[in-house]
C-alpha cells in the first residue's frame, strides 16, 4: 500500500485511498478548477474539505503542504519518477495534471503557449479583479462609503470581460474548437462573478454574449457539474 505518512497533512486529513491523488480544497472558483480538471481527465482522487469556518487553511498540517495557506493543494502519490508530488497554486496544478494525463493542454508548442497565456490571463487578471468586485459588492467592502474602489474594480472587470468576449468571437472555447485548461481556469470565475458575487448587473454581463454563451456550454459539461460540488 502507498505510504504517505511522511506528509503531515495526512495526519489531519487521513487518506482512505492513499494510492489515489489527494485533493485539499473547497468549492470556490480556484478550488473547483482542480476538481473539474480531475473529473475531466478521469484520474482517481480523494477529496478533503479544508474548512475556512474553522481556519483549517491556517493549521500546521495544511501549511506543511501549502505555506501560502490557500486552497487548492494536492498530494499525488504517483508523481514524477514514482515519487509523491505535493503541489499548490491552482494554475500550476492544472498544468501538472494536463502533463500527467496528456489531456487538455496541446502538445504543439505554439498551441501550448497559447493555452498557457490564457491561463496566466485568468490568474493575473480575472481572478484578482473579480475577487475584488466580490469583496466590495457583497462582503465587507459594502461598508465603505467611498465607492471609488468598487468602481475601479468593476471597470477593470468589464475590460477583462471585453477581452474574453473578443477572443471567443467565432470560437467555441478560448483556443478555438479545443476545450483546455484555459477554459477550466476561467469560467468558474465568470460563474462566481455573476452568481455568488451577485455582480451580473454591475458588469452588464448580458453585453458580453460570447462569454455568456461559452459559460453555458461550460456548465453543461457533466464533468464540470460534478466538479463544482467537490468537496461535498
Protein backbone atom coordinates (compact mmCIF):
# COMPACT_ATOMS: atom_id res chain seq x y z
CA UNK A 1 0.00 0.00 0.00
CA UNK A 2 1.17 3.53 -0.76
CA UNK A 3 2.68 5.21 2.30
CA UNK A 4 2.00 8.95 2.67
CA UNK A 5 2.85 9.13 6.37
CA UNK A 6 5.86 11.37 5.70
CA UNK A 7 3.45 14.20 4.85
CA UNK A 8 2.00 15.85 8.00
CA UNK A 9 -1.17 16.86 6.16
CA UNK A 10 -2.27 13.22 6.09
CA UNK A 11 -2.45 13.18 9.89
CA UNK A 12 -5.17 15.84 9.89
CA UNK A 13 -6.84 14.50 6.74
CA UNK A 14 -6.13 10.73 6.69
CA UNK A 15 -6.13 9.15 3.26
CA UNK A 16 -8.65 6.32 2.97
CA UNK A 17 -7.28 5.62 -0.50
CA UNK A 18 -3.58 6.57 -0.33
CA UNK A 19 -2.96 5.20 -3.82
CA UNK A 20 -5.16 7.99 -5.23
CA UNK A 21 -4.32 11.66 -5.72
CA UNK A 22 -5.26 13.61 -2.60
CA UNK A 23 -7.09 16.92 -3.11
CA UNK A 24 -7.38 19.51 -0.34
CA UNK A 25 -9.89 22.11 -1.35
CA UNK A 26 -13.26 23.88 -1.17
CA UNK A 27 -15.77 24.53 -3.99
CA UNK A 28 -14.55 28.07 -4.62
CA UNK A 29 -13.59 29.33 -8.12
CA UNK A 30 -9.96 28.34 -7.56
CA UNK A 31 -10.84 25.12 -5.82
CA UNK A 32 -13.18 23.79 -8.49
CA UNK A 33 -10.60 24.37 -11.20
CA UNK A 34 -8.80 21.28 -9.91
CA UNK A 35 -11.84 19.13 -9.13
CA UNK A 36 -13.26 19.87 -12.59
CA UNK A 37 -9.91 19.02 -14.16
CA UNK A 38 -9.75 15.74 -12.26
CA UNK A 39 -13.27 14.87 -13.35
CA UNK A 40 -12.47 15.76 -16.96
CA UNK A 41 -9.36 13.60 -17.17
CA UNK A 42 -10.82 10.72 -15.16
CA UNK A 43 -7.94 10.45 -12.68
CA UNK A 44 -8.98 8.75 -9.41
CA UNK A 45 -8.74 11.11 -6.46
CA UNK A 46 -9.81 11.58 -2.88
CA UNK A 47 -11.15 14.99 -1.84
CA UNK A 48 -10.67 16.55 1.60
CA UNK A 49 -12.60 19.63 2.69
CA UNK A 50 -10.44 22.47 4.04
CA UNK A 51 -12.94 24.43 6.10
CA UNK A 52 -12.44 28.17 6.25
CA UNK A 53 -15.01 28.32 9.07
CA UNK A 54 -12.57 26.53 11.35
CA UNK A 55 -9.44 28.08 9.80
CA UNK A 56 -8.21 24.73 8.50
CA UNK A 57 -6.11 26.60 5.94
CA UNK A 58 -4.05 28.07 8.79
CA UNK A 59 -3.40 24.77 10.52
CA UNK A 60 0.19 23.49 10.70
CA UNK A 61 -0.92 20.40 8.77
CA UNK A 62 -2.19 22.39 5.80
CA UNK A 63 0.72 24.85 5.92
CA UNK A 64 3.08 21.89 5.65
CA UNK A 65 1.69 21.38 2.13
CA UNK A 66 0.97 25.00 1.18
CA UNK A 67 2.85 27.65 3.16
CA UNK A 68 0.71 30.27 1.41
CA UNK A 69 -2.41 28.92 3.22
CA UNK A 70 -4.61 28.93 0.12
CA UNK A 71 -6.67 26.19 -1.46
CA UNK A 72 -6.42 24.10 -3.54
CA UNK A 73 -3.43 21.86 -2.96
CA UNK A 74 -2.73 18.30 -3.98
CA UNK A 75 -0.58 15.37 -2.95
CA UNK A 76 -0.07 12.92 -5.80
CA UNK A 77 1.34 9.59 -4.55
CA UNK A 78 2.37 8.73 -8.11
CA UNK A 79 4.37 11.79 -9.06
CA UNK A 80 7.38 12.13 -11.36
CA UNK A 81 9.79 9.19 -11.11
CA UNK A 82 7.21 7.42 -8.96
CA UNK A 83 7.76 9.74 -6.01
CA UNK A 84 4.92 11.57 -4.22
CA UNK A 85 4.33 15.07 -5.59
CA UNK A 86 2.99 17.82 -3.31
CA UNK A 87 1.80 20.89 -5.19
CA UNK A 88 -0.11 24.12 -4.59
CA UNK A 89 -1.33 27.02 -6.79
CA UNK A 90 -4.29 26.12 -8.97
CA UNK A 91 -2.65 27.12 -12.25
CA UNK A 92 0.43 25.02 -11.56
CA UNK A 93 -1.78 22.08 -10.60
CA UNK A 94 -3.75 22.36 -13.86
CA UNK A 95 -0.53 22.27 -15.90
CA UNK A 96 0.76 19.35 -13.86
CA UNK A 97 -2.43 17.34 -14.33
CA UNK A 98 -2.54 18.15 -18.03
CA UNK A 99 1.04 16.93 -18.47
CA UNK A 100 0.41 13.85 -16.30
CA UNK A 101 -2.69 12.83 -18.23
CA UNK A 102 -1.75 14.09 -21.69
CA UNK A 103 -5.10 15.89 -21.83
CA UNK A 104 -6.45 19.45 -22.15
CA UNK A 105 -3.12 21.10 -22.97
CA UNK A 106 -1.93 20.93 -26.59
CA UNK A 107 1.31 19.16 -27.44
CA UNK A 108 2.16 21.57 -30.24
CA UNK A 109 4.43 24.23 -28.69
CA UNK A 110 2.67 27.14 -30.40
CA UNK A 111 -0.76 26.00 -29.21
CA UNK A 112 0.59 25.04 -25.77
CA UNK A 113 1.84 28.54 -25.10
CA UNK A 114 -1.42 30.00 -26.39
CA UNK A 115 -3.18 27.96 -23.72
CA UNK A 116 -0.70 28.99 -21.06
CA UNK A 117 -1.06 32.69 -21.87
CA UNK A 118 -4.83 32.49 -21.33
CA UNK A 119 -4.25 30.55 -18.12
CA UNK A 120 -1.96 33.36 -16.92
CA UNK A 121 -4.54 35.92 -18.07
CA UNK A 122 -7.02 34.33 -15.68
CA UNK A 123 -4.59 34.05 -12.81
CA UNK A 124 -3.15 37.55 -13.14
CA UNK A 125 -6.30 39.43 -14.12
CA UNK A 126 -9.67 37.74 -13.93
CA UNK A 127 -9.20 36.04 -10.57
CA UNK A 128 -7.84 39.03 -8.62
CA UNK A 129 -10.15 41.60 -10.22
CA UNK A 130 -13.34 39.56 -9.97
CA UNK A 131 -12.43 38.75 -6.39
CA UNK A 132 -12.14 42.43 -5.54
CA UNK A 133 -15.55 43.07 -7.08
CA UNK A 134 -16.93 40.35 -4.83
CA UNK A 135 -15.32 41.90 -1.76
CA UNK A 136 -16.62 45.39 -2.41
CA UNK A 137 -20.04 44.36 -3.74
CA UNK A 138 -21.02 41.52 -1.40
CA UNK A 139 -18.73 41.36 1.60
CA UNK A 140 -17.07 43.82 3.99
CA UNK A 141 -16.35 46.32 1.25
CA UNK A 142 -20.03 47.28 1.22
CA UNK A 143 -19.34 49.18 4.44
CA UNK A 144 -17.02 51.62 2.63
CA UNK A 145 -18.70 54.93 1.88
CA UNK A 146 -16.11 55.69 -0.78
CA UNK A 147 -17.35 53.91 -3.92
CA UNK A 148 -14.21 54.52 -5.95
CA UNK A 149 -12.61 51.15 -5.14
CA UNK A 150 -15.71 49.27 -6.30
CA UNK A 151 -15.99 51.43 -9.40
CA UNK A 152 -12.34 50.80 -10.23
CA UNK A 153 -12.63 47.02 -9.97
CA UNK A 154 -15.94 46.91 -11.82
CA UNK A 155 -14.42 48.92 -14.67
CA UNK A 156 -11.40 46.63 -14.86
CA UNK A 157 -13.59 43.53 -14.72
CA UNK A 158 -15.66 44.88 -17.59
CA UNK A 159 -12.48 45.46 -19.57
CA UNK A 160 -11.34 41.89 -18.93
CA UNK A 161 -14.74 40.54 -19.93
CA UNK A 162 -14.41 42.52 -23.15
CA UNK A 163 -11.06 40.87 -23.85
CA UNK A 164 -12.62 37.45 -23.25
CA UNK A 165 -15.63 38.29 -25.40
CA UNK A 166 -13.44 39.32 -28.31
CA UNK A 167 -11.31 36.18 -28.02
CA UNK A 168 -14.42 33.99 -28.01
CA UNK A 169 -15.98 35.61 -31.08
CA UNK A 170 -16.34 32.83 -33.64
CA UNK A 171 -14.76 30.31 -31.26
CA UNK A 172 -16.26 27.56 -29.15
CA UNK A 173 -13.54 27.90 -26.49
CA UNK A 174 -10.62 30.20 -25.75
CA UNK A 175 -8.30 28.23 -28.03
CA UNK A 176 -10.90 27.64 -30.74
CA UNK A 177 -12.53 24.24 -31.12
CA UNK A 178 -10.46 22.62 -28.39
CA UNK A 179 -11.51 22.82 -24.75
CA UNK A 180 -8.48 23.28 -22.48
CA UNK A 181 -7.19 24.16 -19.03
CA UNK A 182 -7.59 27.82 -20.01
CA UNK A 183 -11.37 27.36 -20.05
CA UNK A 184 -11.32 25.32 -16.84
CA UNK A 185 -9.43 28.15 -15.13
CA UNK A 186 -11.60 30.97 -16.47
CA UNK A 187 -15.25 30.04 -16.37
CA UNK A 188 -15.60 29.17 -12.68
CA UNK A 189 -14.65 32.80 -12.05
CA UNK A 190 -17.19 34.12 -14.55
CA UNK A 191 -19.83 31.94 -12.93
CA UNK A 192 -18.90 33.23 -9.48
CA UNK A 193 -18.89 36.87 -10.56
CA UNK A 194 -22.47 36.83 -11.78
CA UNK A 195 -23.73 34.19 -9.32
CA UNK A 196 -22.27 34.14 -5.84
CA UNK A 197 -20.88 37.69 -6.07
CA UNK A 198 -24.21 38.96 -7.47
CA UNK A 199 -22.40 41.35 -9.81
CA UNK A 200 -24.00 40.48 -13.14
CA UNK A 201 -25.84 43.78 -13.42
CA UNK A 202 -22.81 45.73 -12.22
CA UNK A 203 -20.67 44.43 -15.08
CA UNK A 204 -23.54 44.35 -17.60
CA UNK A 205 -22.86 40.69 -18.25
CA UNK A 206 -25.56 40.45 -20.93
CA UNK A 207 -23.45 42.73 -23.12
CA UNK A 208 -20.78 40.00 -23.33
CA UNK A 209 -22.73 37.47 -25.36
CA UNK A 210 -19.79 35.31 -26.34
CA UNK A 211 -18.79 34.99 -22.69
CA UNK A 212 -22.28 34.02 -21.56
CA UNK A 213 -22.67 31.58 -24.46
CA UNK A 214 -19.43 29.84 -23.59
CA UNK A 215 -20.23 29.85 -19.88
CA UNK A 216 -23.44 27.95 -20.60
CA UNK A 217 -21.54 25.42 -22.70
CA UNK A 218 -19.03 25.03 -19.87
CA UNK A 219 -21.73 24.49 -17.25
CA UNK A 220 -23.43 21.88 -19.45
CA UNK A 221 -20.42 19.58 -19.31
CA UNK A 222 -21.05 16.59 -16.98
CA UNK A 223 -17.50 16.74 -15.57
CA UNK A 224 -18.00 20.42 -14.72
CA UNK A 225 -21.29 19.70 -12.98
CA UNK A 226 -19.61 17.03 -10.87
CA UNK A 227 -16.52 19.09 -10.13
CA UNK A 228 -18.48 22.12 -8.95
CA UNK A 229 -19.70 20.17 -5.92
CA UNK A 230 -16.29 18.92 -4.71
CA UNK A 231 -15.51 18.61 -1.86
CA UNK A 232 -19.06 17.96 -0.69
